[in-house]
PDB file of N, CA and C in Angstrom:
ATOM      1  N   MET A   1       0.824  -1.149  -0.001  1.00  0.00           N
ATOM      2  CA  MET A   1      -0.004  -0.002  -0.009  1.00  0.00           C
ATOM      3  C   MET A   1       0.901   1.244  -0.003  1.00  0.00           C
ATOM      4  N   LYS A   2       0.488   2.218  -0.801  1.00  0.00           N
ATOM      5  CA  LYS A   2       1.232   3.481  -0.838  1.00  0.00           C
ATOM      6  C   LYS A   2       0.524   4.471   0.074  1.00  0.00           C
ATOM      7  N   ALA A   3       1.326   5.332   0.695  1.00  0.00           N
ATOM      8  CA  ALA A   3       0.820   6.377   1.555  1.00  0.00           C
ATOM      9  C   ALA A   3       1.702   7.601   1.415  1.00  0.00           C
ATOM     10  N   THR A   4       1.103   8.763   1.556  1.00  0.00           N
ATOM     11  CA  THR A   4       1.828  10.016   1.593  1.00  0.00           C
ATOM     12  C   THR A   4       1.475  10.705   2.851  1.00  0.00           C
ATOM     13  N   ILE A   5       2.476  11.258   3.509  1.00  0.00           N
ATOM     14  CA  ILE A   5       2.257  12.010   4.743  1.00  0.00           C
ATOM     15  C   ILE A   5       2.865  13.366   4.635  1.00  0.00           C
ATOM     16  N   LEU A   6       2.057  14.414   4.901  1.00  0.00           N
ATOM     17  CA  LEU A   6       2.583  15.747   5.059  1.00  0.00           C
ATOM     18  C   LEU A   6       3.053  15.816   6.482  1.00  0.00           C
ATOM     19  N   HIS A   7       4.333  15.863   6.705  1.00  0.00           N
ATOM     20  CA  HIS A   7       5.004  15.544   7.944  1.00  0.00           C
ATOM     21  C   HIS A   7       5.823  16.692   8.498  1.00  0.00           C
ATOM     22  N   ASN A   8       5.801  16.821   9.820  1.00  0.00           N
ATOM     23  CA  ASN A   8       6.728  17.730  10.501  1.00  0.00           C
ATOM     24  C   ASN A   8       7.478  16.863  11.495  1.00  0.00           C
ATOM     25  N   PRO A   9       8.761  16.620  11.274  1.00  0.00           N
ATOM     26  CA  PRO A   9       9.490  15.719  12.165  1.00  0.00           C
ATOM     27  C   PRO A   9       9.645  16.219  13.583  1.00  0.00           C
ATOM     28  N   ARG A  10       9.353  17.468  13.836  1.00  0.00           N
ATOM     29  CA  ARG A  10       9.424  18.004  15.190  1.00  0.00           C
ATOM     30  C   ARG A  10       8.121  17.771  15.982  1.00  0.00           C
ATOM     31  N   CYS A  11       7.106  17.289  15.305  1.00  0.00           N
ATOM     32  CA  CYS A  11       5.771  17.056  15.925  1.00  0.00           C
ATOM     33  C   CYS A  11       5.626  15.622  16.362  1.00  0.00           C
ATOM     34  N   SER A  12       5.340  15.385  17.620  1.00  0.00           N
ATOM     35  CA  SER A  12       5.208  14.028  18.108  1.00  0.00           C
ATOM     36  C   SER A  12       4.034  13.312  17.464  1.00  0.00           C
ATOM     37  N   LYS A  13       2.951  13.946  17.223  1.00  0.00           N
ATOM     38  CA  LYS A  13       1.802  13.312  16.560  1.00  0.00           C
ATOM     39  C   LYS A  13       2.122  12.889  15.135  1.00  0.00           C
ATOM     40  N   SER A  14       2.887  13.722  14.465  1.00  0.00           N
ATOM     41  CA  SER A  14       3.283  13.404  13.096  1.00  0.00           C
ATOM     42  C   SER A  14       4.241  12.220  13.100  1.00  0.00           C
ATOM     43  N   ARG A  15       5.177  12.183  14.069  1.00  0.00           N
ATOM     44  CA  ARG A  15       6.084  11.038  14.162  1.00  0.00           C
ATOM     45  C   ARG A  15       5.322   9.773  14.473  1.00  0.00           C
ATOM     46  N   GLU A  16       4.338   9.859  15.354  1.00  0.00           N
ATOM     47  CA  GLU A  16       3.547   8.668  15.706  1.00  0.00           C
ATOM     48  C   GLU A  16       2.748   8.154  14.474  1.00  0.00           C
ATOM     49  N   ALA A  17       2.163   9.039  13.727  1.00  0.00           N
ATOM     50  CA  ALA A  17       1.419   8.656  12.508  1.00  0.00           C
ATOM     51  C   ALA A  17       2.360   7.975  11.540  1.00  0.00           C
ATOM     52  N   LEU A  18       3.563   8.551  11.327  1.00  0.00           N
ATOM     53  CA  LEU A  18       4.530   7.939  10.429  1.00  0.00           C
ATOM     54  C   LEU A  18       4.918   6.554  10.914  1.00  0.00           C
ATOM     55  N   ALA A  19       5.109   6.381  12.219  1.00  0.00           N
ATOM     56  CA  ALA A  19       5.449   5.082  12.767  1.00  0.00           C
ATOM     57  C   ALA A  19       4.324   4.070  12.486  1.00  0.00           C
ATOM     58  N   LEU A  20       3.056   4.491  12.625  1.00  0.00           N
ATOM     59  CA  LEU A  20       1.951   3.610  12.342  1.00  0.00           C
ATOM     60  C   LEU A  20       1.941   3.179  10.888  1.00  0.00           C
ATOM     61  N   LEU A  21       2.249   4.109   9.990  1.00  0.00           N
ATOM     62  CA  LEU A  21       2.292   3.775   8.535  1.00  0.00           C
ATOM     63  C   LEU A  21       3.421   2.768   8.318  1.00  0.00           C
ATOM     64  N   ASN A  22       4.571   3.009   8.893  1.00  0.00           N
ATOM     65  CA  ASN A  22       5.694   2.051   8.712  1.00  0.00           C
ATOM     66  C   ASN A  22       5.437   0.704   9.280  1.00  0.00           C
ATOM     67  N   GLU A  23       4.790   0.655  10.469  1.00  0.00           N
ATOM     68  CA  GLU A  23       4.410  -0.626  11.100  1.00  0.00           C
ATOM     69  C   GLU A  23       3.455  -1.407  10.237  1.00  0.00           C
ATOM     70  N   ALA A  24       2.584  -0.682   9.510  1.00  0.00           N
ATOM     71  CA  ALA A  24       1.591  -1.337   8.654  1.00  0.00           C
ATOM     72  C   ALA A  24       2.223  -1.789   7.318  1.00  0.00           C
ATOM     73  N   GLY A  25       3.472  -1.482   7.115  1.00  0.00           N
ATOM     74  CA  GLY A  25       4.179  -1.907   5.918  1.00  0.00           C
ATOM     75  C   GLY A  25       3.894  -1.017   4.709  1.00  0.00           C
ATOM     76  N   ALA A  26       3.400   0.184   4.946  1.00  0.00           N
ATOM     77  CA  ALA A  26       3.082   1.072   3.841  1.00  0.00           C
ATOM     78  C   ALA A  26       4.395   1.566   3.171  1.00  0.00           C
ATOM     79  N   ASP A  27       4.271   1.783   1.847  1.00  0.00           N
ATOM     80  CA  ASP A  27       5.348   2.407   1.074  1.00  0.00           C
ATOM     81  C   ASP A  27       5.091   3.915   1.198  1.00  0.00           C
ATOM     82  N   VAL A  28       5.788   4.561   2.129  1.00  0.00           N
ATOM     83  CA  VAL A  28       5.464   5.920   2.532  1.00  0.00           C
ATOM     84  C   VAL A  28       6.322   6.956   1.806  1.00  0.00           C
ATOM     85  N   THR A  29       5.657   7.944   1.225  1.00  0.00           N
ATOM     86  CA  THR A  29       6.318   9.145   0.728  1.00  0.00           C
ATOM     87  C   THR A  29       6.160  10.199   1.802  1.00  0.00           C
ATOM     88  N   VAL A  30       7.261  10.678   2.297  1.00  0.00           N
ATOM     89  CA  VAL A  30       7.252  11.693   3.342  1.00  0.00           C
ATOM     90  C   VAL A  30       7.500  13.068   2.749  1.00  0.00           C
ATOM     91  N   ILE A  31       6.580  13.974   2.966  1.00  0.00           N
ATOM     92  CA  ILE A  31       6.764  15.350   2.476  1.00  0.00           C
ATOM     93  C   ILE A  31       6.866  16.241   3.691  1.00  0.00           C
ATOM     94  N   GLU A  32       8.030  16.839   3.904  1.00  0.00           N
ATOM     95  CA  GLU A  32       8.175  17.800   4.991  1.00  0.00           C
ATOM     96  C   GLU A  32       7.579  19.096   4.471  1.00  0.00           C
ATOM     97  N   TYR A  33       6.305  19.257   4.823  1.00  0.00           N
ATOM     98  CA  TYR A  33       5.506  20.326   4.194  1.00  0.00           C
ATOM     99  C   TYR A  33       5.955  21.737   4.566  1.00  0.00           C
ATOM    100  N   LEU A  34       6.724  21.896   5.650  1.00  0.00           N
ATOM    101  CA  LEU A  34       7.258  23.206   5.972  1.00  0.00           C
ATOM    102  C   LEU A  34       8.392  23.574   5.012  1.00  0.00           C
ATOM    103  N   LYS A  35       9.104  22.562   4.479  1.00  0.00           N
ATOM    104  CA  LYS A  35      10.150  22.817   3.497  1.00  0.00           C
ATOM    105  C   LYS A  35       9.639  22.796   2.057  1.00  0.00           C
ATOM    106  N   THR A  36       8.630  21.981   1.828  1.00  0.00           N
ATOM    107  CA  THR A  36       8.019  21.810   0.511  1.00  0.00           C
ATOM    108  C   THR A  36       6.521  21.955   0.641  1.00  0.00           C
ATOM    109  N   PRO A  37       6.016  23.158   0.761  1.00  0.00           N
ATOM    110  CA  PRO A  37       4.577  23.324   1.012  1.00  0.00           C
ATOM    111  C   PRO A  37       3.720  22.959  -0.215  1.00  0.00           C
ATOM    112  N   PRO A  38       2.568  22.364   0.006  1.00  0.00           N
ATOM    113  CA  PRO A  38       1.664  22.101  -1.069  1.00  0.00           C
ATOM    114  C   PRO A  38       1.041  23.397  -1.551  1.00  0.00           C
ATOM    115  N   ASN A  39       0.641  23.443  -2.829  1.00  0.00           N
ATOM    116  CA  ASN A  39      -0.036  24.618  -3.342  1.00  0.00           C
ATOM    117  C   ASN A  39      -1.545  24.532  -3.027  1.00  0.00           C
ATOM    118  N   THR A  40      -2.262  25.579  -3.350  1.00  0.00           N
ATOM    119  CA  THR A  40      -3.681  25.633  -3.026  1.00  0.00           C
ATOM    120  C   THR A  40      -4.475  24.511  -3.677  1.00  0.00           C
ATOM    121  N   GLU A  41      -4.112  24.158  -4.945  1.00  0.00           N
ATOM    122  CA  GLU A  41      -4.823  23.091  -5.665  1.00  0.00           C
ATOM    123  C   GLU A  41      -4.617  21.733  -5.012  1.00  0.00           C
ATOM    124  N   GLU A  42      -3.393  21.473  -4.568  1.00  0.00           N
ATOM    125  CA  GLU A  42      -3.092  20.209  -3.913  1.00  0.00           C
ATOM    126  C   GLU A  42      -3.820  20.124  -2.561  1.00  0.00           C
ATOM    127  N   LEU A  43      -3.841  21.203  -1.820  1.00  0.00           N
ATOM    128  CA  LEU A  43      -4.572  21.222  -0.550  1.00  0.00           C
ATOM    129  C   LEU A  43      -6.068  21.019  -0.807  1.00  0.00           C
ATOM    130  N   ARG A  44      -6.604  21.655  -1.804  1.00  0.00           N
ATOM    131  CA  ARG A  44      -8.027  21.533  -2.147  1.00  0.00           C
ATOM    132  C   ARG A  44      -8.327  20.064  -2.503  1.00  0.00           C
ATOM    133  N   ARG A  45      -7.447  19.443  -3.270  1.00  0.00           N
ATOM    134  CA  ARG A  45      -7.666  18.058  -3.653  1.00  0.00           C
ATOM    135  C   ARG A  45      -7.607  17.115  -2.445  1.00  0.00           C
ATOM    136  N   LEU A  46      -6.640  17.330  -1.566  1.00  0.00           N
ATOM    137  CA  LEU A  46      -6.480  16.471  -0.387  1.00  0.00           C
ATOM    138  C   LEU A  46      -7.716  16.603   0.534  1.00  0.00           C
ATOM    139  N   TYR A  47      -8.111  17.844   0.806  1.00  0.00           N
ATOM    140  CA  TYR A  47      -9.270  18.019   1.717  1.00  0.00           C
ATOM    141  C   TYR A  47     -10.521  17.476   1.063  1.00  0.00           C
ATOM    142  N   ALA A  48     -10.697  17.618  -0.221  1.00  0.00           N
ATOM    143  CA  ALA A  48     -11.909  17.075  -0.853  1.00  0.00           C
ATOM    144  C   ALA A  48     -11.898  15.554  -0.800  1.00  0.00           C
ATOM    145  N   LYS A  49     -10.763  14.925  -1.003  1.00  0.00           N
ATOM    146  CA  LYS A  49     -10.692  13.449  -0.927  1.00  0.00           C
ATOM    147  C   LYS A  49     -10.972  12.973   0.478  1.00  0.00           C
ATOM    148  N   GLY A  50     -10.601  13.756   1.476  1.00  0.00           N
ATOM    149  CA  GLY A  50     -10.870  13.379   2.857  1.00  0.00           C
ATOM    150  C   GLY A  50     -12.197  13.842   3.384  1.00  0.00           C
ATOM    151  N   ARG A  51     -12.985  14.500   2.475  1.00  0.00           N
ATOM    152  CA  ARG A  51     -14.259  15.087   2.876  1.00  0.00           C
ATOM    153  C   ARG A  51     -14.081  16.045   4.088  1.00  0.00           C
ATOM    154  N   LEU A  52     -13.032  16.828   3.988  1.00  0.00           N
ATOM    155  CA  LEU A  52     -12.692  17.810   5.014  1.00  0.00           C
ATOM    156  C   LEU A  52     -12.791  19.181   4.373  1.00  0.00           C
ATOM    157  N   SER A  53     -13.097  20.163   5.192  1.00  0.00           N
ATOM    158  CA  SER A  53     -13.086  21.537   4.707  1.00  0.00           C
ATOM    159  C   SER A  53     -11.688  22.094   4.999  1.00  0.00           C
ATOM    160  N   PRO A  54     -11.291  23.110   4.282  1.00  0.00           N
ATOM    161  CA  PRO A  54     -10.020  23.763   4.632  1.00  0.00           C
ATOM    162  C   PRO A  54     -10.002  24.234   6.062  1.00  0.00           C
ATOM    163  N   ARG A  55     -11.115  24.659   6.570  1.00  0.00           N
ATOM    164  CA  ARG A  55     -11.216  25.060   7.998  1.00  0.00           C
ATOM    165  C   ARG A  55     -10.887  23.911   8.907  1.00  0.00           C
ATOM    166  N   ASP A  56     -11.308  22.663   8.548  1.00  0.00           N
ATOM    167  CA  ASP A  56     -10.968  21.463   9.327  1.00  0.00           C
ATOM    168  C   ASP A  56      -9.458  21.299   9.395  1.00  0.00           C
ATOM    169  N   GLY A  57      -8.786  21.654   8.304  1.00  0.00           N
ATOM    170  CA  GLY A  57      -7.334  21.449   8.203  1.00  0.00           C
ATOM    171  C   GLY A  57      -6.514  22.630   8.701  1.00  0.00           C
ATOM    172  N   LEU A  58      -7.160  23.644   9.205  1.00  0.00           N
ATOM    173  CA  LEU A  58      -6.469  24.857   9.714  1.00  0.00           C
ATOM    174  C   LEU A  58      -5.960  24.622  11.117  1.00  0.00           C
ATOM    175  N   ARG A  59      -4.735  24.877  11.299  1.00  0.00           N
ATOM    176  CA  ARG A  59      -4.107  24.751  12.660  1.00  0.00           C
ATOM    177  C   ARG A  59      -4.490  26.013  13.442  1.00  0.00           C
ATOM    178  N   LYS A  60      -5.587  25.919  14.138  1.00  0.00           N
ATOM    179  CA  LYS A  60      -6.186  27.079  14.775  1.00  0.00           C
ATOM    180  C   LYS A  60      -5.372  27.654  15.939  1.00  0.00           C
ATOM    181  N   ALA A  61      -4.450  26.872  16.488  1.00  0.00           N
ATOM    182  CA  ALA A  61      -3.621  27.354  17.605  1.00  0.00           C
ATOM    183  C   ALA A  61      -2.572  28.351  17.162  1.00  0.00           C
ATOM    184  N   GLU A  62      -2.327  28.429  15.859  1.00  0.00           N
ATOM    185  CA  GLU A  62      -1.312  29.365  15.371  1.00  0.00           C
ATOM    186  C   GLU A  62      -1.864  30.787  15.397  1.00  0.00           C
ATOM    187  N   ALA A  63      -1.006  31.731  15.769  1.00  0.00           N
ATOM    188  CA  ALA A  63      -1.419  33.137  15.849  1.00  0.00           C
ATOM    189  C   ALA A  63      -1.988  33.649  14.515  1.00  0.00           C
ATOM    190  N   GLU A  64      -1.381  33.227  13.386  1.00  0.00           N
ATOM    191  CA  GLU A  64      -1.806  33.668  12.086  1.00  0.00           C
ATOM    192  C   GLU A  64      -3.222  33.173  11.752  1.00  0.00           C
ATOM    193  N   ALA A  65      -3.679  32.115  12.389  1.00  0.00           N
ATOM    194  CA  ALA A  65      -4.984  31.568  12.110  1.00  0.00           C
ATOM    195  C   ALA A  65      -6.106  32.458  12.649  1.00  0.00           C
ATOM    196  N   LYS A  66      -5.801  33.252  13.645  1.00  0.00           N
ATOM    197  CA  LYS A  66      -6.818  34.148  14.263  1.00  0.00           C
ATOM    198  C   LYS A  66      -7.427  35.068  13.218  1.00  0.00           C
ATOM    199  N   ALA A  67      -6.589  35.538  12.264  1.00  0.00           N
ATOM    200  CA  ALA A  67      -7.045  36.438  11.234  1.00  0.00           C
ATOM    201  C   ALA A  67      -7.993  35.743  10.231  1.00  0.00           C
ATOM    202  N   LEU A  68      -8.054  34.433  10.288  1.00  0.00           N
ATOM    203  CA  LEU A  68      -8.858  33.658   9.285  1.00  0.00           C
ATOM    204  C   LEU A  68     -10.193  33.203   9.859  1.00  0.00           C
ATOM    205  N   VAL A  69     -10.540  33.676  11.020  1.00  0.00           N
ATOM    206  CA  VAL A  69     -11.771  33.253  11.703  1.00  0.00           C
ATOM    207  C   VAL A  69     -13.018  33.343  10.803  1.00  0.00           C
ATOM    208  N   ASP A  70     -13.122  34.412  10.031  1.00  0.00           N
ATOM    209  CA  ASP A  70     -14.298  34.632   9.218  1.00  0.00           C
ATOM    210  C   ASP A  70     -13.965  34.435   7.694  1.00  0.00           C
ATOM    211  N   ALA A  71     -12.827  33.851   7.414  1.00  0.00           N
ATOM    212  CA  ALA A  71     -12.373  33.724   5.996  1.00  0.00           C
ATOM    213  C   ALA A  71     -13.115  32.602   5.331  1.00  0.00           C
ATOM    214  N   ASP A  72     -13.267  32.733   4.026  1.00  0.00           N
ATOM    215  CA  ASP A  72     -13.858  31.656   3.229  1.00  0.00           C
ATOM    216  C   ASP A  72     -12.779  30.583   2.921  1.00  0.00           C
ATOM    217  N   ASP A  73     -13.217  29.471   2.376  1.00  0.00           N
ATOM    218  CA  ASP A  73     -12.290  28.361   2.080  1.00  0.00           C
ATOM    219  C   ASP A  73     -11.130  28.754   1.168  1.00  0.00           C
ATOM    220  N   ALA A  74     -11.427  29.506   0.139  1.00  0.00           N
ATOM    221  CA  ALA A  74     -10.372  29.906  -0.787  1.00  0.00           C
ATOM    222  C   ALA A  74      -9.295  30.734  -0.090  1.00  0.00           C
ATOM    223  N   THR A  75      -9.685  31.654   0.763  1.00  0.00           N
ATOM    224  CA  THR A  75      -8.745  32.483   1.472  1.00  0.00           C
ATOM    225  C   THR A  75      -7.899  31.633   2.429  1.00  0.00           C
ATOM    226  N   ILE A  76      -8.553  30.680   3.067  1.00  0.00           N
ATOM    227  CA  ILE A  76      -7.801  29.814   3.995  1.00  0.00           C
ATOM    228  C   ILE A  76      -6.754  28.977   3.248  1.00  0.00           C
ATOM    229  N   LEU A  77      -7.153  28.440   2.067  1.00  0.00           N
ATOM    230  CA  LEU A  77      -6.203  27.665   1.270  1.00  0.00           C
ATOM    231  C   LEU A  77      -5.006  28.485   0.823  1.00  0.00           C
ATOM    232  N   VAL A  78      -5.239  29.723   0.424  1.00  0.00           N
ATOM    233  CA  VAL A  78      -4.165  30.628  -0.019  1.00  0.00           C
ATOM    234  C   VAL A  78      -3.229  30.889   1.173  1.00  0.00           C
ATOM    235  N   ALA A  79      -3.816  31.140   2.346  1.00  0.00           N
ATOM    236  CA  ALA A  79      -3.034  31.364   3.555  1.00  0.00           C
ATOM    237  C   ALA A  79      -2.186  30.154   3.901  1.00  0.00           C
ATOM    238  N   MET A  80      -2.767  28.994   3.817  1.00  0.00           N
ATOM    239  CA  MET A  80      -2.023  27.749   4.127  1.00  0.00           C
ATOM    240  C   MET A  80      -0.849  27.547   3.142  1.00  0.00           C
ATOM    241  N   ALA A  81      -1.104  27.796   1.886  1.00  0.00           N
ATOM    242  CA  ALA A  81      -0.039  27.595   0.904  1.00  0.00           C
ATOM    243  C   ALA A  81       1.095  28.603   1.132  1.00  0.00           C
ATOM    244  N   ALA A  82       0.737  29.794   1.501  1.00  0.00           N
ATOM    245  CA  ALA A  82       1.747  30.844   1.742  1.00  0.00           C
ATOM    246  C   ALA A  82       2.481  30.661   3.051  1.00  0.00           C
ATOM    247  N   ASN A  83       1.781  30.120   4.048  1.00  0.00           N
ATOM    248  CA  ASN A  83       2.340  29.969   5.379  1.00  0.00           C
ATOM    249  C   ASN A  83       1.975  28.562   5.903  1.00  0.00           C
ATOM    250  N   PRO A  84       2.719  27.543   5.485  1.00  0.00           N
ATOM    251  CA  PRO A  84       2.347  26.128   5.736  1.00  0.00           C
ATOM    252  C   PRO A  84       2.251  25.746   7.204  1.00  0.00           C
ATOM    253  N   ILE A  85       2.768  26.574   8.120  1.00  0.00           N
ATOM    254  CA  ILE A  85       2.566  26.293   9.537  1.00  0.00           C
ATOM    255  C   ILE A  85       1.110  26.248   9.904  1.00  0.00           C
ATOM    256  N   LEU A  86       0.248  26.852   9.035  1.00  0.00           N
ATOM    257  CA  LEU A  86      -1.196  26.859   9.295  1.00  0.00           C
ATOM    258  C   LEU A  86      -1.866  25.531   8.975  1.00  0.00           C
ATOM    259  N   ILE A  87      -1.177  24.597   8.346  1.00  0.00           N
ATOM    260  CA  ILE A  87      -1.729  23.298   7.985  1.00  0.00           C
ATOM    261  C   ILE A  87      -1.654  22.364   9.191  1.00  0.00           C
ATOM    262  N   GLU A  88      -2.837  21.853   9.583  1.00  0.00           N
ATOM    263  CA  GLU A  88      -2.865  20.880  10.696  1.00  0.00           C
ATOM    264  C   GLU A  88      -2.133  19.612  10.224  1.00  0.00           C
ATOM    265  N   ARG A  89      -1.325  19.094  11.077  1.00  0.00           N
ATOM    266  CA  ARG A  89      -0.508  17.949  10.781  1.00  0.00           C
ATOM    267  C   ARG A  89      -0.794  16.807  11.676  1.00  0.00           C
ATOM    268  N   PRO A  90      -0.426  15.628  11.246  1.00  0.00           N
ATOM    269  CA  PRO A  90      -0.041  15.229   9.933  1.00  0.00           C
ATOM    270  C   PRO A  90      -1.256  15.000   9.014  1.00  0.00           C
ATOM    271  N   LEU A  91      -1.079  15.230   7.759  1.00  0.00           N
ATOM    272  CA  LEU A  91      -2.135  14.942   6.778  1.00  0.00           C
ATOM    273  C   LEU A  91      -1.665  13.755   5.998  1.00  0.00           C
ATOM    274  N   VAL A  92      -2.461  12.669   6.016  1.00  0.00           N
ATOM    275  CA  VAL A  92      -2.067  11.358   5.455  1.00  0.00           C
ATOM    276  C   VAL A  92      -3.043  10.969   4.379  1.00  0.00           C
ATOM    277  N   GLU A  93      -2.475  10.514   3.226  1.00  0.00           N
ATOM    278  CA  GLU A  93      -3.299  10.094   2.096  1.00  0.00           C
ATOM    279  C   GLU A  93      -2.907   8.648   1.746  1.00  0.00           C
ATOM    280  N   THR A  94      -3.913   7.827   1.519  1.00  0.00           N
ATOM    281  CA  THR A  94      -3.747   6.492   0.904  1.00  0.00           C
ATOM    282  C   THR A  94      -4.821   6.371  -0.158  1.00  0.00           C
ATOM    283  N   ALA A  95      -4.861   5.233  -0.832  1.00  0.00           N
ATOM    284  CA  ALA A  95      -5.891   5.004  -1.835  1.00  0.00           C
ATOM    285  C   ALA A  95      -7.292   5.025  -1.228  1.00  0.00           C
ATOM    286  N   LYS A  96      -7.385   4.781   0.090  1.00  0.00           N
ATOM    287  CA  LYS A  96      -8.677   4.756   0.755  1.00  0.00           C
ATOM    288  C   LYS A  96      -9.155   6.105   1.251  1.00  0.00           C
ATOM    289  N   GLY A  97      -8.319   7.132   1.206  1.00  0.00           N
ATOM    290  CA  GLY A  97      -8.773   8.430   1.610  1.00  0.00           C
ATOM    291  C   GLY A  97      -7.662   9.308   2.220  1.00  0.00           C
ATOM    292  N   VAL A  98      -8.095  10.356   2.853  1.00  0.00           N
ATOM    293  CA  VAL A  98      -7.191  11.333   3.500  1.00  0.00           C
ATOM    294  C   VAL A  98      -7.730  11.603   4.893  1.00  0.00           C
ATOM    295  N   VAL A  99      -6.765  11.601   5.863  1.00  0.00           N
ATOM    296  CA  VAL A  99      -7.178  11.961   7.240  1.00  0.00           C
ATOM    297  C   VAL A  99      -6.123  12.905   7.814  1.00  0.00           C
ATOM    298  N   ILE A 100      -6.569  13.659   8.808  1.00  0.00           N
ATOM    299  CA  ILE A 100      -5.669  14.398   9.632  1.00  0.00           C
ATOM    300  C   ILE A 100      -5.330  13.452  10.785  1.00  0.00           C
ATOM    301  N   GLY A 101      -4.079  13.160  11.000  1.00  0.00           N
ATOM    302  CA  GLY A 101      -3.662  12.164  12.012  1.00  0.00           C
ATOM    303  C   GLY A 101      -3.650  12.719  13.417  1.00  0.00           C
ATOM    304  N   ARG A 102      -4.758  13.277  13.841  1.00  0.00           N
ATOM    305  CA  ARG A 102      -4.928  13.737  15.221  1.00  0.00           C
ATOM    306  C   ARG A 102      -6.237  13.191  15.715  1.00  0.00           C
ATOM    307  N   PRO A 103      -6.196  12.171  16.508  1.00  0.00           N
ATOM    308  CA  PRO A 103      -5.039  11.475  17.028  1.00  0.00           C
ATOM    309  C   PRO A 103      -4.371  10.622  15.918  1.00  0.00           C
ATOM    310  N   PRO A 104      -3.123  10.213  16.131  1.00  0.00           N
ATOM    311  CA  PRO A 104      -2.431   9.443  15.103  1.00  0.00           C
ATOM    312  C   PRO A 104      -3.188   8.166  14.720  1.00  0.00           C
ATOM    313  N   GLU A 105      -3.939   7.593  15.659  1.00  0.00           N
ATOM    314  CA  GLU A 105      -4.668   6.364  15.381  1.00  0.00           C
ATOM    315  C   GLU A 105      -5.711   6.537  14.256  1.00  0.00           C
ATOM    316  N   ALA A 106      -6.057   7.764  13.953  1.00  0.00           N
ATOM    317  CA  ALA A 106      -7.002   8.036  12.862  1.00  0.00           C
ATOM    318  C   ALA A 106      -6.510   7.477  11.525  1.00  0.00           C
ATOM    319  N   VAL A 107      -5.181   7.382  11.425  1.00  0.00           N
ATOM    320  CA  VAL A 107      -4.565   6.895  10.199  1.00  0.00           C
ATOM    321  C   VAL A 107      -4.985   5.449   9.910  1.00  0.00           C
ATOM    322  N   ARG A 108      -5.226   4.686  10.960  1.00  0.00           N
ATOM    323  CA  ARG A 108      -5.683   3.272  10.781  1.00  0.00           C
ATOM    324  C   ARG A 108      -6.914   3.152   9.898  1.00  0.00           C
ATOM    325  N   GLY A 109      -7.741   4.183   9.939  1.00  0.00           N
ATOM    326  CA  GLY A 109      -8.996   4.151   9.153  1.00  0.00           C
ATOM    327  C   GLY A 109      -8.803   4.169   7.646  1.00  0.00           C
ATOM    328  N   ILE A 110      -7.620   4.511   7.186  1.00  0.00           N
ATOM    329  CA  ILE A 110      -7.345   4.554   5.723  1.00  0.00           C
ATOM    330  C   ILE A 110      -6.260   3.565   5.345  1.00  0.00           C
ATOM    331  N   LEU A 111      -5.921   2.656   6.232  1.00  0.00           N
ATOM    332  CA  LEU A 111      -4.903   1.655   5.881  1.00  0.00           C
ATOM    333  C   LEU A 111      -5.506   0.495   5.152  1.00  0.00           C
TER     334      LEU A 111
END
């Protein structure tokens, strides 16, 4: 099984989700999204595949997210692409779907 993870190696939840993927024997593509941020179209595709809204994927604890409280989806996606720290992590994709790995065990639902 192939899997892609938008990963932050400094995040314990992201490391746990990656470990779950590896334990399941997945062929994992790791994208350190802070170094290689996805563009708005890729984010839109991922969230649509996971039946998530961009607001679901917004890391609300970040100071920059406060300005997006009343923003529409398109504005949130542009902000995430420009400032990837706003993307809730980890974001995991397999052929079965896309989930935000919070908690990391959520990844099991798409294995």
